[in-house]
C-alpha atoms as a PDB file:
ATOM      1  CA  MET A   1      32.127  38.365  63.820  1.00  0.00           C
ATOM      2  CA  GLN A   2      33.901  36.440  61.080  1.00  0.00           C
ATOM      3  CA  ALA A   3      34.462  33.474  63.401  1.00  0.00           C
ATOM      4  CA  LYS A   4      30.756  33.442  64.308  1.00  0.00           C
ATOM      5  CA  LYS A   5      29.791  33.425  60.632  1.00  0.00           C
ATOM      6  CA  GLU A   6      32.193  30.562  59.894  1.00  0.00           C
ATOM      7  CA  THR A   7      30.733  28.610  62.829  1.00  0.00           C
ATOM      8  CA  GLN A   8      27.195  29.111  61.498  1.00  0.00           C
ATOM      9  CA  ILE A   9      28.230  27.896  58.035  1.00  0.00           C
ATOM     10  CA  LYS A  10      29.937  24.859  59.566  1.00  0.00           C
ATOM     11  CA  VAL A  11      26.844  23.993  61.613  1.00  0.00           C
ATOM     12  CA  GLU A  12      24.629  24.329  58.520  1.00  0.00           C
ATOM     13  CA  THR A  13      26.983  22.082  56.510  1.00  0.00           C
ATOM     14  CA  ILE A  14      26.875  19.413  59.224  1.00  0.00           C
ATOM     15  CA  ALA A  15      23.069  19.657  59.311  1.00  0.00           C
ATOM     16  CA  ILE A  16      22.852  19.208  55.516  1.00  0.00           C
ATOM     17  CA  ASP A  17      25.192  16.200  55.646  1.00  0.00           C
ATOM     18  CA  SER A  18      23.021  14.701  58.383  1.00  0.00           C
ATOM     19  CA  LEU A  19      19.872  15.238  56.301  1.00  0.00           C
ATOM     20  CA  ARG A  20      21.548  13.680  53.266  1.00  0.00           C
ATOM     21  CA  LEU A  21      22.363  10.558  55.278  1.00  0.00           C
ATOM     22  CA  LYS A  22      18.777  10.401  56.544  1.00  0.00           C
ATOM     23  CA  THR A  23      17.392  10.848  53.019  1.00  0.00           C
ATOM     24  CA  ASN A  24      19.698   8.188  51.605  1.00  0.00           C
ATOM     25  CA  HIS A  25      18.324   5.664  54.112  1.00  0.00           C
ATOM     26  CA  HIS A  26      15.188   5.568  51.975  1.00  0.00           C
ATOM     27  CA  THR A  27      15.017   4.055  48.500  1.00  0.00           C
ATOM     28  CA  TYR A  28      13.190   6.163  45.941  1.00  0.00           C
ATOM     29  CA  ALA A  29      12.247   5.305  42.375  1.00  0.00           C
ATOM     30  CA  GLU A  30      14.210   7.276  39.784  1.00  0.00           C
ATOM     31  CA  VAL A  31      12.445   9.764  37.550  1.00  0.00           C
ATOM     32  CA  VAL A  32      13.391  11.491  34.308  1.00  0.00           C
ATOM     33  CA  MET A  33      12.348  15.067  33.443  1.00  0.00           C
ATOM     34  CA  ASP A  34      12.642  15.263  29.655  1.00  0.00           C
ATOM     35  CA  ASP A  35      11.464  18.852  29.258  1.00  0.00           C
ATOM     36  CA  LEU A  36      13.081  20.772  32.117  1.00  0.00           C
ATOM     37  CA  PRO A  37      14.600  23.676  30.158  1.00  0.00           C
ATOM     38  CA  GLU A  38      17.953  25.356  30.597  1.00  0.00           C
ATOM     39  CA  LEU A  39      17.295  29.006  31.357  1.00  0.00           C
ATOM     40  CA  PRO A  40      18.882  32.125  29.902  1.00  0.00           C
ATOM     41  CA  TYR A  41      21.620  33.613  32.093  1.00  0.00           C
ATOM     42  CA  ALA A  42      19.532  36.556  33.364  1.00  0.00           C
ATOM     43  CA  VAL A  43      16.647  34.302  34.434  1.00  0.00           C
ATOM     44  CA  GLU A  44      19.023  31.812  36.047  1.00  0.00           C
ATOM     45  CA  GLU A  45      20.672  34.591  38.040  1.00  0.00           C
ATOM     46  CA  ALA A  46      17.333  36.024  39.174  1.00  0.00           C
ATOM     47  CA  ILE A  47      16.210  32.671  40.570  1.00  0.00           C
ATOM     48  CA  ASN A  48      19.638  32.141  42.117  1.00  0.00           C
ATOM     49  CA  ARG A  49      19.255  35.488  43.894  1.00  0.00           C
ATOM     50  CA  LEU A  50      15.909  34.316  45.257  1.00  0.00           C
ATOM     51  CA  ARG A  51      17.502  31.060  46.448  1.00  0.00           C
ATOM     52  CA  ILE A  52      20.288  32.907  48.258  1.00  0.00           C
ATOM     53  CA  ASN A  53      17.851  35.346  49.877  1.00  0.00           C
ATOM     54  CA  LEU A  54      15.797  32.431  51.193  1.00  0.00           C
ATOM     55  CA  SER A  55      18.918  30.834  52.653  1.00  0.00           C
ATOM     56  CA  PHE A  56      19.322  33.931  54.852  1.00  0.00           C
ATOM     57  CA  GLN A  57      16.019  33.113  56.583  1.00  0.00           C
ATOM     58  CA  GLY A  58      17.739  30.595  58.848  1.00  0.00           C
ATOM     59  CA  SER A  59      17.568  26.862  59.501  1.00  0.00           C
ATOM     60  CA  GLY A  60      14.030  27.107  60.884  1.00  0.00           C
ATOM     61  CA  VAL A  61      12.611  27.882  57.442  1.00  0.00           C
ATOM     62  CA  LYS A  62      12.339  24.567  55.607  1.00  0.00           C
ATOM     63  CA  LYS A  63       8.819  24.167  54.222  1.00  0.00           C
ATOM     64  CA  ILE A  64       8.247  27.003  51.754  1.00  0.00           C
ATOM     65  CA  MET A  65       4.931  27.582  49.993  1.00  0.00           C
ATOM     66  CA  VAL A  66       5.119  29.233  46.554  1.00  0.00           C
ATOM     67  CA  THR A  67       1.826  30.670  45.360  1.00  0.00           C
ATOM     68  CA  SER A  68       0.252  33.482  43.340  1.00  0.00           C
ATOM     69  CA  THR A  69      -2.901  35.559  43.291  1.00  0.00           C
ATOM     70  CA  MET A  70      -4.195  34.496  39.877  1.00  0.00           C
ATOM     71  CA  PRO A  71      -3.382  31.763  37.320  1.00  0.00           C
ATOM     72  CA  ASN A  72      -0.623  32.320  34.754  1.00  0.00           C
ATOM     73  CA  GLU A  73       1.633  34.374  37.011  1.00  0.00           C
ATOM     74  CA  GLY A  74       4.457  31.819  36.880  1.00  0.00           C
ATOM     75  CA  LYS A  75       4.353  30.324  40.379  1.00  0.00           C
ATOM     76  CA  SER A  76       4.970  26.733  39.172  1.00  0.00           C
ATOM     77  CA  PHE A  77       7.838  27.926  36.982  1.00  0.00           C
ATOM     78  CA  VAL A  78       9.440  29.806  39.874  1.00  0.00           C
ATOM     79  CA  SER A  79       8.934  27.008  42.416  1.00  0.00           C
ATOM     80  CA  LEU A  80      10.309  24.243  40.173  1.00  0.00           C
ATOM     81  CA  HIS A  81      13.424  26.148  39.128  1.00  0.00           C
ATOM     82  CA  LEU A  82      13.999  27.345  42.690  1.00  0.00           C
ATOM     83  CA  TRP A  83      13.917  23.689  43.764  1.00  0.00           C
ATOM     84  CA  ARG A  84      16.278  22.746  40.926  1.00  0.00           C
ATOM     85  CA  GLN A  85      18.856  25.356  41.927  1.00  0.00           C
ATOM     86  CA  MET A  86      18.740  24.316  45.578  1.00  0.00           C
ATOM     87  CA  ALA A  87      19.321  20.684  44.624  1.00  0.00           C
ATOM     88  CA  GLN A  88      22.128  21.596  42.223  1.00  0.00           C
ATOM     89  CA  ALA A  89      23.778  23.504  45.074  1.00  0.00           C
ATOM     90  CA  GLY A  90      24.014  20.200  46.954  1.00  0.00           C
ATOM     91  CA  ILE A  91      21.126  20.851  49.330  1.00  0.00           C
ATOM     92  CA  PRO A  92      18.661  17.945  49.823  1.00  0.00           C
ATOM     93  CA  SER A  93      15.456  19.447  48.442  1.00  0.00           C
ATOM     94  CA  LEU A  94      11.967  18.177  47.661  1.00  0.00           C
ATOM     95  CA  PHE A  95       9.457  19.700  45.241  1.00  0.00           C
ATOM     96  CA  VAL A  96       5.861  18.944  46.274  1.00  0.00           C
ATOM     97  CA  ASP A  97       3.055  19.573  43.787  1.00  0.00           C
ATOM     98  CA  MET A  98       0.028  20.581  45.844  1.00  0.00           C
ATOM     99  CA  ASP A  99      -2.015  21.945  42.938  1.00  0.00           C
ATOM    100  CA  LEU A 100      -4.380  19.016  43.327  1.00  0.00           C
ATOM    101  CA  ARG A 101      -7.101  20.492  41.103  1.00  0.00           C
ATOM    102  CA  LYS A 102      -5.322  21.495  37.887  1.00  0.00           C
ATOM    103  CA  SER A 103      -1.735  20.280  37.924  1.00  0.00           C
ATOM    104  CA  VAL A 104       0.015  19.830  34.571  1.00  0.00           C
ATOM    105  CA  ILE A 105       3.537  19.376  35.962  1.00  0.00           C
ATOM    106  CA  THR A 106       4.084  15.819  34.691  1.00  0.00           C
ATOM    107  CA  GLU A 107       2.873  16.685  31.194  1.00  0.00           C
ATOM    108  CA  LYS A 108       4.634  20.038  30.978  1.00  0.00           C
ATOM    109  CA  TYR A 109       8.047  18.766  32.037  1.00  0.00           C
ATOM    110  CA  GLY A 110       7.835  15.265  30.555  1.00  0.00           C
ATOM    111  CA  ILE A 111       8.130  13.528  33.922  1.00  0.00           C
ATOM    112  CA  HIS A 112       8.211   9.718  33.872  1.00  0.00           C
ATOM    113  CA  ARG A 113       9.755   6.938  35.906  1.00  0.00           C
ATOM    114  CA  LYS A 114      12.953   5.383  34.589  1.00  0.00           C
ATOM    115  CA  ASP A 115      11.571   1.883  35.085  1.00  0.00           C
ATOM    116  CA  GLY A 116       8.408   2.715  33.123  1.00  0.00           C
ATOM    117  CA  LYS A 117       6.106   2.086  36.079  1.00  0.00           C
ATOM    118  CA  GLU A 118       3.187   4.288  37.059  1.00  0.00           C
ATOM    119  CA  ILE A 119       3.748   7.440  39.109  1.00  0.00           C
ATOM    120  CA  TYR A 120       1.669   7.654  42.289  1.00  0.00           C
ATOM    121  CA  GLY A 121       1.251  11.359  42.952  1.00  0.00           C
ATOM    122  CA  THR A 122       0.274  13.567  45.850  1.00  0.00           C
ATOM    123  CA  SER A 123      -3.507  13.106  45.752  1.00  0.00           C
ATOM    124  CA  TYR A 124      -3.142   9.328  45.376  1.00  0.00           C
ATOM    125  CA  TYR A 125      -0.880   9.181  48.424  1.00  0.00           C
ATOM    126  CA  LEU A 126      -3.260  11.261  50.542  1.00  0.00           C
ATOM    127  CA  ALA A 127      -6.241   9.109  49.566  1.00  0.00           C
ATOM    128  CA  ASN A 128      -4.543   5.727  50.014  1.00  0.00           C
ATOM    129  CA  ASP A 129      -2.534   3.817  52.584  1.00  0.00           C
ATOM    130  CA  LEU A 130       1.002   3.479  51.232  1.00  0.00           C
ATOM    131  CA  PRO A 131       4.474   4.528  52.450  1.00  0.00           C
ATOM    132  CA  LEU A 132       5.757   7.999  51.592  1.00  0.00           C
ATOM    133  CA  GLN A 133       8.887   6.571  49.959  1.00  0.00           C
ATOM    134  CA  ASP A 134       6.642   4.931  47.339  1.00  0.00           C
ATOM    135  CA  VAL A 135       5.555   8.311  45.958  1.00  0.00           C
ATOM    136  CA  ILE A 136       8.667  10.484  46.350  1.00  0.00           C
ATOM    137  CA  LEU A 137      10.878  10.275  43.260  1.00  0.00           C
ATOM    138  CA  GLN A 138      14.620  10.767  42.874  1.00  0.00           C
ATOM    139  CA  SER A 139      15.401  13.101  39.983  1.00  0.00           C
ATOM    140  CA  GLU A 140      18.540  13.106  37.844  1.00  0.00           C
ATOM    141  CA  ILE A 141      19.882  15.839  40.145  1.00  0.00           C
ATOM    142  CA  PRO A 142      21.612  13.993  43.033  1.00  0.00           C
ATOM    143  CA  ASP A 143      19.978  16.053  45.816  1.00  0.00           C
ATOM    144  CA  GLY A 144      16.721  16.731  43.969  1.00  0.00           C
ATOM    145  CA  TYR A 145      13.532  14.846  44.843  1.00  0.00           C
ATOM    146  CA  ILE A 146      10.031  15.405  43.532  1.00  0.00           C
ATOM    147  CA  LEU A 147       6.464  14.523  44.482  1.00  0.00           C
ATOM    148  CA  PRO A 148       4.235  15.470  41.529  1.00  0.00           C
ATOM    149  CA  ASN A 149       0.458  15.323  41.393  1.00  0.00           C
ATOM    150  CA  VAL A 150      -0.929  13.022  38.716  1.00  0.00           C
ATOM    151  CA  ASP A 151      -4.612  12.525  39.521  1.00  0.00           C
ATOM    152  CA  ASN A 152      -6.425  15.863  39.737  1.00  0.00           C
ATOM    153  CA  VAL A 153      -9.480  15.990  41.990  1.00  0.00           C
ATOM    154  CA  ILE A 154     -12.491  18.310  41.885  1.00  0.00           C
ATOM    155  CA  ASN A 155     -12.555  19.111  45.600  1.00  0.00           C
ATOM    156  CA  PRO A 156      -9.405  18.216  47.558  1.00  0.00           C
ATOM    157  CA  SER A 157     -10.625  19.838  50.798  1.00  0.00           C
ATOM    158  CA  ILE A 158     -11.116  16.491  52.541  1.00  0.00           C
ATOM    159  CA  LEU A 159      -7.552  15.455  51.664  1.00  0.00           C
ATOM    160  CA  LEU A 160      -6.090  18.774  52.854  1.00  0.00           C
ATOM    161  CA  GLU A 161      -7.990  18.652  56.137  1.00  0.00           C
ATOM    162  CA  SER A 162      -6.877  15.110  56.909  1.00  0.00           C
ATOM    163  CA  GLU A 163      -4.365  14.126  59.566  1.00  0.00           C
ATOM    164  CA  ARG A 164      -2.486  12.214  56.870  1.00  0.00           C
ATOM    165  CA  PHE A 165      -1.716  15.459  55.014  1.00  0.00           C
ATOM    166  CA  GLN A 166      -0.428  17.124  58.176  1.00  0.00           C
ATOM    167  CA  LYS A 167       1.812  14.139  58.921  1.00  0.00           C
ATOM    168  CA  MET A 168       3.100  14.141  55.331  1.00  0.00           C
ATOM    169  CA  ILE A 169       4.197  17.777  55.585  1.00  0.00           C
ATOM    170  CA  GLU A 170       5.840  17.128  58.955  1.00  0.00           C
ATOM    171  CA  GLU A 171       7.687  14.063  57.657  1.00  0.00           C
ATOM    172  CA  VAL A 172       9.069  15.658  54.491  1.00  0.00           C
ATOM    173  CA  GLY A 173      10.194  18.607  56.609  1.00  0.00           C
ATOM    174  CA  GLN A 174      12.287  16.172  58.661  1.00  0.00           C
ATOM    175  CA  ARG A 175      13.762  14.372  55.656  1.00  0.00           C
ATOM    176  CA  PHE A 176      14.815  17.354  53.533  1.00  0.00           C
ATOM    177  CA  ARG A 177      16.534  20.690  54.107  1.00  0.00           C
ATOM    178  CA  TYR A 178      14.073  22.460  51.850  1.00  0.00           C
ATOM    179  CA  VAL A 179      10.569  21.478  50.798  1.00  0.00           C
ATOM    180  CA  ILE A 180       9.265  23.708  47.993  1.00  0.00           C
ATOM    181  CA  ILE A 181       5.479  23.432  47.831  1.00  0.00           C
ATOM    182  CA  ASP A 182       3.662  24.572  44.683  1.00  0.00           C
ATOM    183  CA  VAL A 183       0.218  25.814  45.754  1.00  0.00           C
ATOM    184  CA  PRO A 184      -2.891  26.904  43.738  1.00  0.00           C
ATOM    185  CA  PRO A 185      -3.609  30.632  43.241  1.00  0.00           C
ATOM    186  CA  LEU A 186      -5.037  32.240  46.366  1.00  0.00           C
ATOM    187  CA  ASN A 187      -7.794  34.179  44.612  1.00  0.00           C
ATOM    188  CA  LEU A 188      -9.423  31.045  43.188  1.00  0.00           C
ATOM    189  CA  VAL A 189      -9.567  28.498  46.008  1.00  0.00           C
ATOM    190  CA  SER A 190      -8.915  28.283  49.738  1.00  0.00           C
ATOM    191  CA  ASP A 191      -6.302  25.498  49.459  1.00  0.00           C
ATOM    192  CA  GLY A 192      -3.405  27.919  49.962  1.00  0.00           C
ATOM    193  CA  GLU A 193      -4.508  29.061  53.390  1.00  0.00           C
ATOM    194  CA  LYS A 194      -4.777  25.503  54.676  1.00  0.00           C
ATOM    195  CA  ILE A 195      -1.409  24.501  53.221  1.00  0.00           C
ATOM    196  CA  GLY A 196       0.179  27.728  54.443  1.00  0.00           C
ATOM    197  CA  SER A 197      -0.816  26.968  58.022  1.00  0.00           C
ATOM    198  CA  LEU A 198       1.649  24.039  57.927  1.00  0.00           C
ATOM    199  CA  CYS A 199       4.518  25.900  56.234  1.00  0.00           C
ATOM    200  CA  ASP A 200       7.436  27.919  57.611  1.00  0.00           C
ATOM    201  CA  GLY A 201       7.107  30.686  55.049  1.00  0.00           C
ATOM    202  CA  ALA A 202       5.613  31.749  51.728  1.00  0.00           C
ATOM    203  CA  VAL A 203       6.788  33.351  48.496  1.00  0.00           C
ATOM    204  CA  LEU A 204       4.121  35.209  46.527  1.00  0.00           C
ATOM    205  CA  VAL A 205       4.683  35.331  42.755  1.00  0.00           C
ATOM    206  CA  VAL A 206       3.227  38.442  41.130  1.00  0.00           C
ATOM    207  CA  ARG A 207       3.012  39.105  37.411  1.00  0.00           C
ATOM    208  CA  GLY A 208       4.282  42.591  36.593  1.00  0.00           C
ATOM    209  CA  ALA A 209       1.762  45.097  35.148  1.00  0.00           C
ATOM    210  CA  GLU A 210      -1.029  42.499  35.337  1.00  0.00           C
ATOM    211  CA  THR A 211      -1.986  41.870  38.961  1.00  0.00           C
ATOM    212  CA  SER A 212      -3.561  44.837  40.737  1.00  0.00           C
ATOM    213  CA  LYS A 213      -2.189  46.165  44.021  1.00  0.00           C
ATOM    214  CA  ALA A 214      -5.526  45.481  45.706  1.00  0.00           C
ATOM    215  CA  MET A 215      -5.398  41.805  44.700  1.00  0.00           C
ATOM    216  CA  VAL A 216      -1.798  41.463  45.839  1.00  0.00           C
ATOM    217  CA  LYS A 217      -2.692  43.053  49.177  1.00  0.00           C
ATOM    218  CA  ASN A 218      -5.587  40.625  49.572  1.00  0.00           C
ATOM    219  CA  SER A 219      -3.272  37.663  48.855  1.00  0.00           C
ATOM    220  CA  ILE A 220      -0.770  38.907  51.432  1.00  0.00           C
ATOM    221  CA  ASN A 221      -3.577  39.141  53.996  1.00  0.00           C
ATOM    222  CA  GLN A 222      -4.651  35.574  53.173  1.00  0.00           C
ATOM    223  CA  ILE A 223      -1.115  34.315  53.728  1.00  0.00           C
ATOM    224  CA  LYS A 224      -0.833  36.163  57.035  1.00  0.00           C
ATOM    225  CA  ARG A 225      -4.274  34.899  58.096  1.00  0.00           C
ATOM    226  CA  SER A 226      -3.028  31.326  57.680  1.00  0.00           C
ATOM    227  CA  GLY A 227      -0.244  32.051  60.163  1.00  0.00           C
ATOM    228  CA  CYS A 228       2.425  31.604  57.505  1.00  0.00           C
ATOM    229  CA  PRO A 229       5.145  34.317  57.403  1.00  0.00           C
ATOM    230  CA  LEU A 230       5.519  36.065  54.041  1.00  0.00           C
ATOM    231  CA  LEU A 231       9.183  35.668  53.094  1.00  0.00           C
ATOM    232  CA  GLY A 232       8.983  37.858  50.024  1.00  0.00           C
ATOM    233  CA  VAL A 233       7.369  38.701  46.705  1.00  0.00           C
ATOM    234  CA  ALA A 234       8.756  37.465  43.377  1.00  0.00           C
ATOM    235  CA  LEU A 235       7.932  39.998  40.675  1.00  0.00           C
ATOM    236  CA  ASN A 236       7.681  37.966  37.486  1.00  0.00           C
ATOM    237  CA  ARG A 237       7.425  38.732  33.770  1.00  0.00           C
ATOM    238  CA  VAL A 238       8.597  42.297  34.057  1.00  0.00           C
ATOM    239  CA  LYS A 239       9.390  44.073  30.809  1.00  0.00           C
ATOM    240  CA  GLY A 240      13.142  44.050  30.351  1.00  0.00           C
ATOM    241  CA  SER A 241      15.796  44.309  27.701  1.00  0.00           C
ATOM    242  CA  GLY A 242      16.274  40.618  26.991  1.00  0.00           C
ATOM    243  CA  SER A 243      16.250  39.044  23.552  1.00  0.00           C
ATOM    244  CA  GLY A 244      13.470  36.968  22.074  1.00  0.00           C
ATOM    245  CA  TYR A 245      15.430  33.728  22.361  1.00  0.00           C
ATOM    246  CA  TYR A 246      13.530  32.424  25.375  1.00  0.00           C
ATOM    247  CA  TYR A 247      10.167  32.943  23.718  1.00  0.00           C
ATOM    248  CA  LYS A 248      11.269  31.276  20.488  1.00  0.00           C
ATOM    249  CA  LYS A 249      12.618  28.236  22.290  1.00  0.00           C
ATOM    250  CA  TYR A 250      10.163  27.783  25.170  1.00  0.00           C
ATOM    251  CA  GLY A 251       7.367  30.254  24.569  1.00  0.00           C
ATOM    252  CA  GLY A 252       4.685  28.062  23.020  1.00  0.00           C
ATOM    253  CA  LYS A 253       2.019  25.968  24.646  1.00  0.00           C
ATOM    254  CA  TYR A 254       3.035  26.189  28.284  1.00  0.00           C
ATOM    255  CA  TYR A 255       5.096  29.288  28.932  1.00  0.00           C
ATOM    256  CA  GLY A 256       3.107  32.068  27.281  1.00  0.00           C
ATOM    257  CA  LYS A 257       4.559  35.292  25.946  1.00  0.00           C
ATOM    258  CA  TYR A 258       7.945  35.428  27.614  1.00  0.00           C
ATOM    259  CA  GLY A 259       9.551  37.219  24.602  1.00  0.00           C
ATOM    260  CA  LYS A 260      11.349  40.350  25.727  1.00  0.00           C
ATOM    261  CA  GLU A 261      10.612  39.837  29.380  1.00  0.00           C
ATOM    262  CA  GLY A 262      12.882  39.501  32.357  1.00  0.00           C
ATOM    263  CA  TYR A 263      12.524  38.084  35.853  1.00  0.00           C
ATOM    264  CA  TYR A 264      13.156  40.182  38.918  1.00  0.00           C
ATOM    265  CA  TYR A 265      12.803  39.088  42.503  1.00  0.00           C
ATOM    266  CA  LYS A 266      12.444  41.235  45.611  1.00  0.00           C
END
């Protein structure tokens, strides 16, 4: 049994090395993330637990959709820091911002290109004819790559239903070990179901004591209807025994009332 486990780990390591070589064949512009915060220990460990649990899903799970039922449940926060931890662990990982209607990722995290040039985001790529390597950005984390959305659109349905979008998802799945896809809330728009149909699995972020069981159940049914397996539920912003440090340092404009709250993932 031990020998079998060691063989599986060895195979996975070889696969990651192969992906890294494939990724390094492409040249990506470098990007800086000025406002990506360091997390308190308890939060860091909770996201690390989620990362490890996802790694148990096997090599066939690569493209992972992270979504929520309603806005302000923390799905972008969870998806970005999950991506960061995977990259820091030496796993070639790509964060894809598919919130094409109301994304604030570049503003929130102070994302800008090192060379000062314009960032061409997800919606721009889907609407124009340019190579994928022109929009994927290399972060300061060696194995961390990001594709943010810069130009929000009122109705992205045409872009999501295009063959170009399907090919994009297929291609990034071949280039990277993990593709973490940040998707709009399921209760607001139908984007999640379309995106989910192209993913290997989904994580549903639920805000503790805020989102009703009926709404969560409806979101789970939407994910299943898309044909995307539900990998798990991340229970976020649960009352805990933490200090107020996180709220004082990061709790203003973007992060809401995180004060004495913890993060627990199931």
